[in-house]
N, C-alpha and C. Protein backbone atom coordinates (compact mmCIF):
# COMPACT_ATOMS: atom_id res chain seq x y z
N MET A 1 0.84 -1.29 0.09
CA MET A 1 0.08 -0.20 -0.09
C MET A 1 0.81 1.40 0.18
N SER A 2 0.59 2.10 -0.83
CA SER A 2 1.37 3.20 -0.95
C SER A 2 0.90 4.44 0.54
N THR A 3 2.14 5.47 0.37
CA THR A 3 1.80 6.57 1.63
C THR A 3 0.54 6.80 1.39
N ASN A 4 0.45 7.42 -0.08
CA ASN A 4 -0.75 8.12 -0.34
C ASN A 4 -2.09 7.68 0.04
N SER A 5 -2.06 6.22 -0.16
CA SER A 5 -3.36 5.81 -0.21
C SER A 5 -3.66 5.34 1.28
N THR A 6 -2.29 5.55 1.98
CA THR A 6 -2.38 5.33 3.60
C THR A 6 -2.85 6.59 4.46
N ASN A 7 -2.48 7.47 3.72
CA ASN A 7 -3.15 9.14 4.38
C ASN A 7 -4.48 9.25 4.04
N SER A 8 -4.81 8.68 2.95
CA SER A 8 -6.06 9.43 2.57
C SER A 8 -7.27 8.31 3.30
N ASP A 9 -6.61 7.05 3.69
CA ASP A 9 -7.84 6.25 4.80
C ASP A 9 -7.75 7.06 5.74
N ARG A 10 -6.82 7.57 6.27
CA ARG A 10 -6.91 8.28 7.85
C ARG A 10 -7.62 9.21 7.83
N GLY A 11 -8.42 9.59 6.91
CA GLY A 11 -9.62 10.57 7.51
C GLY A 11 -9.23 12.10 7.79
N PHE A 12 -9.65 12.64 8.80
CA PHE A 12 -9.28 13.67 9.25
C PHE A 12 -7.96 13.80 10.32
N LEU A 13 -7.55 12.31 10.44
CA LEU A 13 -5.97 11.97 10.91
C LEU A 13 -5.10 12.43 10.33
N LYS A 14 -5.10 12.75 8.77
CA LYS A 14 -4.42 12.69 7.73
C LYS A 14 -3.28 13.85 8.16
N GLY A 15 -1.99 13.37 8.10
CA GLY A 15 -0.82 14.72 8.48
C GLY A 15 -0.52 14.42 9.82
N ILE A 16 -1.03 13.57 10.55
CA ILE A 16 -0.87 13.72 12.16
C ILE A 16 0.27 12.14 12.25
N ARG A 17 1.26 12.28 12.72
CA ARG A 17 2.21 11.24 12.61
C ARG A 17 2.38 10.91 14.39
N PRO A 18 2.00 9.75 14.63
CA PRO A 18 2.22 9.40 16.21
C PRO A 18 3.52 8.84 16.50
N THR A 19 4.27 9.03 15.55
CA THR A 19 5.87 8.85 16.02
C THR A 19 6.36 10.09 16.25
N ALA A 20 5.51 11.32 16.06
CA ALA A 20 5.97 12.72 16.42
C ALA A 20 5.59 13.13 18.11
N PHE A 21 4.59 12.02 18.54
CA PHE A 21 4.38 12.46 19.84
C PHE A 21 5.61 12.15 20.87
N LEU A 22 5.62 13.44 22.05
CA LEU A 22 6.77 13.04 22.98
C LEU A 22 7.99 12.97 22.35
N ASP A 23 8.49 13.41 21.28
CA ASP A 23 9.51 12.72 20.29
C ASP A 23 10.89 13.75 20.74
N CYS A 24 10.41 14.82 21.90
CA CYS A 24 11.85 15.54 22.15
C CYS A 24 11.68 16.01 23.54
N TYR A 25 12.79 16.78 23.80
CA TYR A 25 12.93 16.69 25.44
C TYR A 25 12.03 17.92 25.84
N GLN A 26 11.81 18.94 24.96
CA GLN A 26 11.05 20.06 25.45
C GLN A 26 9.22 19.43 25.90
N GLU A 27 8.96 18.60 24.48
CA GLU A 27 7.66 17.86 25.04
C GLU A 27 7.64 17.42 26.16
N TRP A 28 8.37 16.68 26.35
CA TRP A 28 8.72 15.74 27.68
C TRP A 28 8.32 16.60 29.01
N HIS A 29 9.23 17.50 29.17
CA HIS A 29 9.62 18.90 30.27
C HIS A 29 8.29 19.19 30.10
N ALA A 30 7.70 19.60 29.20
CA ALA A 30 5.97 20.56 29.23
C ALA A 30 5.24 19.23 29.97
N PHE A 31 5.14 18.23 29.43
CA PHE A 31 4.11 16.99 30.30
C PHE A 31 4.46 16.94 31.26
N VAL A 32 5.76 16.81 31.67
CA VAL A 32 5.87 16.51 33.11
C VAL A 32 5.72 17.46 34.10
N GLU A 33 5.89 18.68 33.95
CA GLU A 33 5.80 19.84 34.49
C GLU A 33 4.03 19.83 34.73
N GLY A 34 3.29 19.59 34.01
CA GLY A 34 1.88 19.55 34.04
C GLY A 34 1.43 18.39 34.94
N LEU A 35 1.73 17.30 34.80
CA LEU A 35 1.57 16.23 35.57
C LEU A 35 1.81 16.42 37.07
N SER A 36 3.39 16.73 37.17
CA SER A 36 3.75 16.80 38.75
C SER A 36 2.88 17.94 39.32
N GLU A 37 2.83 19.17 38.32
CA GLU A 37 1.81 20.27 38.66
C GLU A 37 0.19 19.69 39.85
N VAL A 38 -0.01 18.79 39.07
CA VAL A 38 -1.36 18.26 39.51
C VAL A 38 -0.98 17.16 40.51
N LEU A 39 -0.31 16.20 40.20
CA LEU A 39 0.04 15.30 41.25
C LEU A 39 0.30 15.50 42.65
N CYS A 40 1.30 16.71 42.52
CA CYS A 40 1.97 17.49 43.92
C CYS A 40 1.36 18.13 44.60
N PRO A 41 0.47 18.06 45.79
CA PRO A 41 -0.31 18.70 46.50
C PRO A 41 0.37 19.61 47.00
N TRP A 42 1.48 19.97 47.22
CA TRP A 42 2.27 21.46 48.06
C TRP A 42 2.59 22.25 47.22
N PRO A 43 2.71 23.26 46.97
CA PRO A 43 3.37 24.34 46.28
C PRO A 43 4.66 24.30 45.41
N ALA A 44 5.10 24.66 44.49
CA ALA A 44 6.29 24.65 44.38
C ALA A 44 7.60 25.62 45.22
N ARG A 45 8.53 24.84 45.50
CA ARG A 45 9.47 25.73 46.24
C ARG A 45 10.96 26.35 45.75
N TYR A 46 10.94 26.86 43.76
CA TYR A 46 11.65 27.16 43.07
C TYR A 46 10.59 27.87 42.12
N GLN A 47 11.33 28.82 41.67
CA GLN A 47 11.02 29.79 40.39
C GLN A 47 11.10 29.44 39.17
N PRO A 48 10.39 29.06 38.24
CA PRO A 48 10.52 28.11 36.92
C PRO A 48 11.83 28.70 36.44
N SER A 49 12.24 28.14 35.40
CA SER A 49 13.45 28.79 34.94
C SER A 49 13.23 29.27 33.65
N GLU A 50 13.93 30.21 32.66
CA GLU A 50 13.70 30.59 31.54
C GLU A 50 13.34 29.37 30.60
N GLU A 51 14.43 28.43 30.82
CA GLU A 51 14.03 27.35 29.64
C GLU A 51 12.81 26.64 29.76
N LEU A 52 12.44 26.34 30.82
CA LEU A 52 11.18 25.63 31.36
C LEU A 52 9.74 26.36 30.85
N LEU A 53 9.68 27.97 30.99
CA LEU A 53 8.62 29.09 30.29
C LEU A 53 8.84 28.78 29.07
N ASN A 54 9.88 28.88 27.99
CA ASN A 54 10.10 28.48 26.69
C ASN A 54 9.40 27.41 26.69
N ASP A 55 9.88 26.10 27.12
CA ASP A 55 9.37 24.91 26.66
C ASP A 55 7.62 24.72 26.84
N LEU A 56 7.12 25.28 27.95
CA LEU A 56 5.68 25.38 28.09
C LEU A 56 4.82 26.13 26.98
N LYS A 57 5.96 27.18 26.94
CA LYS A 57 5.24 28.25 26.00
C LYS A 57 4.97 27.66 24.33
N GLY A 58 6.06 27.12 24.12
CA GLY A 58 6.08 26.22 23.01
C GLY A 58 5.35 24.76 22.60
N ASP A 59 5.29 24.30 23.64
CA ASP A 59 4.35 23.08 24.01
C ASP A 59 3.60 23.06 24.93
N HIS A 60 2.83 24.28 24.78
CA HIS A 60 1.72 24.35 25.96
C HIS A 60 0.71 23.28 25.90
N HIS A 61 -0.01 22.56 24.86
CA HIS A 61 -0.63 21.46 24.62
C HIS A 61 -0.35 20.33 25.18
N TYR A 62 0.84 20.21 25.29
CA TYR A 62 1.70 18.81 26.37
C TYR A 62 1.69 19.25 27.61
N TYR A 63 2.19 20.51 28.22
CA TYR A 63 1.57 20.95 29.43
C TYR A 63 0.06 20.47 29.95
N VAL A 64 -0.92 21.10 29.16
CA VAL A 64 -2.14 20.52 29.48
C VAL A 64 -2.53 19.17 29.34
N PHE A 65 -1.95 18.31 28.64
CA PHE A 65 -1.90 17.08 28.58
C PHE A 65 -1.78 16.33 29.71
N GLY A 66 -0.78 16.90 30.32
CA GLY A 66 0.08 16.13 31.54
C GLY A 66 -0.72 16.68 32.57
N ARG A 67 -1.36 18.18 32.76
CA ARG A 67 -2.36 18.31 33.72
C ARG A 67 -3.67 17.25 33.81
N ALA A 68 -4.12 17.00 32.63
CA ALA A 68 -5.21 16.25 32.35
C ALA A 68 -4.89 14.84 33.04
N MET A 69 -3.90 14.03 32.35
CA MET A 69 -3.20 12.97 33.26
C MET A 69 -3.14 12.84 34.58
N GLY A 70 -2.71 14.19 35.41
CA GLY A 70 -2.35 14.10 36.57
C GLY A 70 -3.69 14.19 37.23
N VAL A 71 -5.18 14.83 36.46
CA VAL A 71 -6.46 14.69 36.90
C VAL A 71 -6.72 12.99 36.95
N ILE A 72 -6.51 12.65 35.72
CA ILE A 72 -7.13 10.97 35.98
C ILE A 72 -6.60 10.10 36.98
N ALA A 73 -4.79 10.53 37.31
CA ALA A 73 -4.22 9.81 37.96
C ALA A 73 -4.95 10.01 39.55
N TRP A 74 -4.95 11.05 39.65
CA TRP A 74 -5.93 11.39 41.25
C TRP A 74 -7.43 10.14 41.12
N LEU A 75 -8.01 10.86 40.06
CA LEU A 75 -9.48 9.95 40.37
C LEU A 75 -9.52 8.33 40.45
N THR A 76 -7.80 7.59 39.24
CA THR A 76 -7.69 6.62 39.78
C THR A 76 -7.41 5.96 41.36
N ILE A 77 -6.34 6.94 41.57
CA ILE A 77 -6.04 7.10 43.03
C ILE A 77 -7.45 6.54 44.28
N ALA A 78 -8.26 7.88 44.31
CA ALA A 78 -9.11 7.73 44.87
C ALA A 78 -10.25 6.62 44.64
N LYS A 79 -10.11 6.21 43.07
CA LYS A 79 -10.96 4.79 43.14
C LYS A 79 -10.48 4.03 43.88
N ILE A 80 -9.03 3.45 43.97
CA ILE A 80 -8.30 2.52 44.75
C ILE A 80 -8.53 2.60 46.03
N ILE A 81 -8.55 3.83 46.60
CA ILE A 81 -8.74 4.07 48.18
C ILE A 81 -9.92 3.50 48.34
N GLN A 82 -11.25 3.86 47.80
CA GLN A 82 -12.47 3.82 47.65
C GLN A 82 -12.72 2.20 47.91
N GLU A 83 -12.09 1.44 47.03
CA GLU A 83 -12.18 -0.02 46.85
C GLU A 83 -12.02 -0.92 47.94
N ALA A 84 -10.57 -0.02 48.20
CA ALA A 84 -9.82 -0.84 49.38
C ALA A 84 -10.03 -0.64 50.91
N PHE A 85 -10.98 0.73 51.50
CA PHE A 85 -11.34 0.93 52.33
C PHE A 85 -12.72 1.27 53.08
N PHE A 86 -13.42 1.18 51.86
CA PHE A 86 -14.81 1.53 52.15
C PHE A 86 -16.07 0.72 51.30
């Protein structure tokens, strides 16, 4: 099957490369910062570096995805606690 026919079969996903998801450190940095902000219950003890702010600015969608995954993790943890103790 040729590449053109594969892309045309993907419909609205045409042009999206799954291999490009979290493929550089800036994306990972933004994702982990978002996840950590939600999972960690206490305020940060440091000011964000310029590098972090640039990573978050350029890859804000990964930061938001990390925050969403943090919320899902807390909901999963709460459900496990509920099932184990109540």
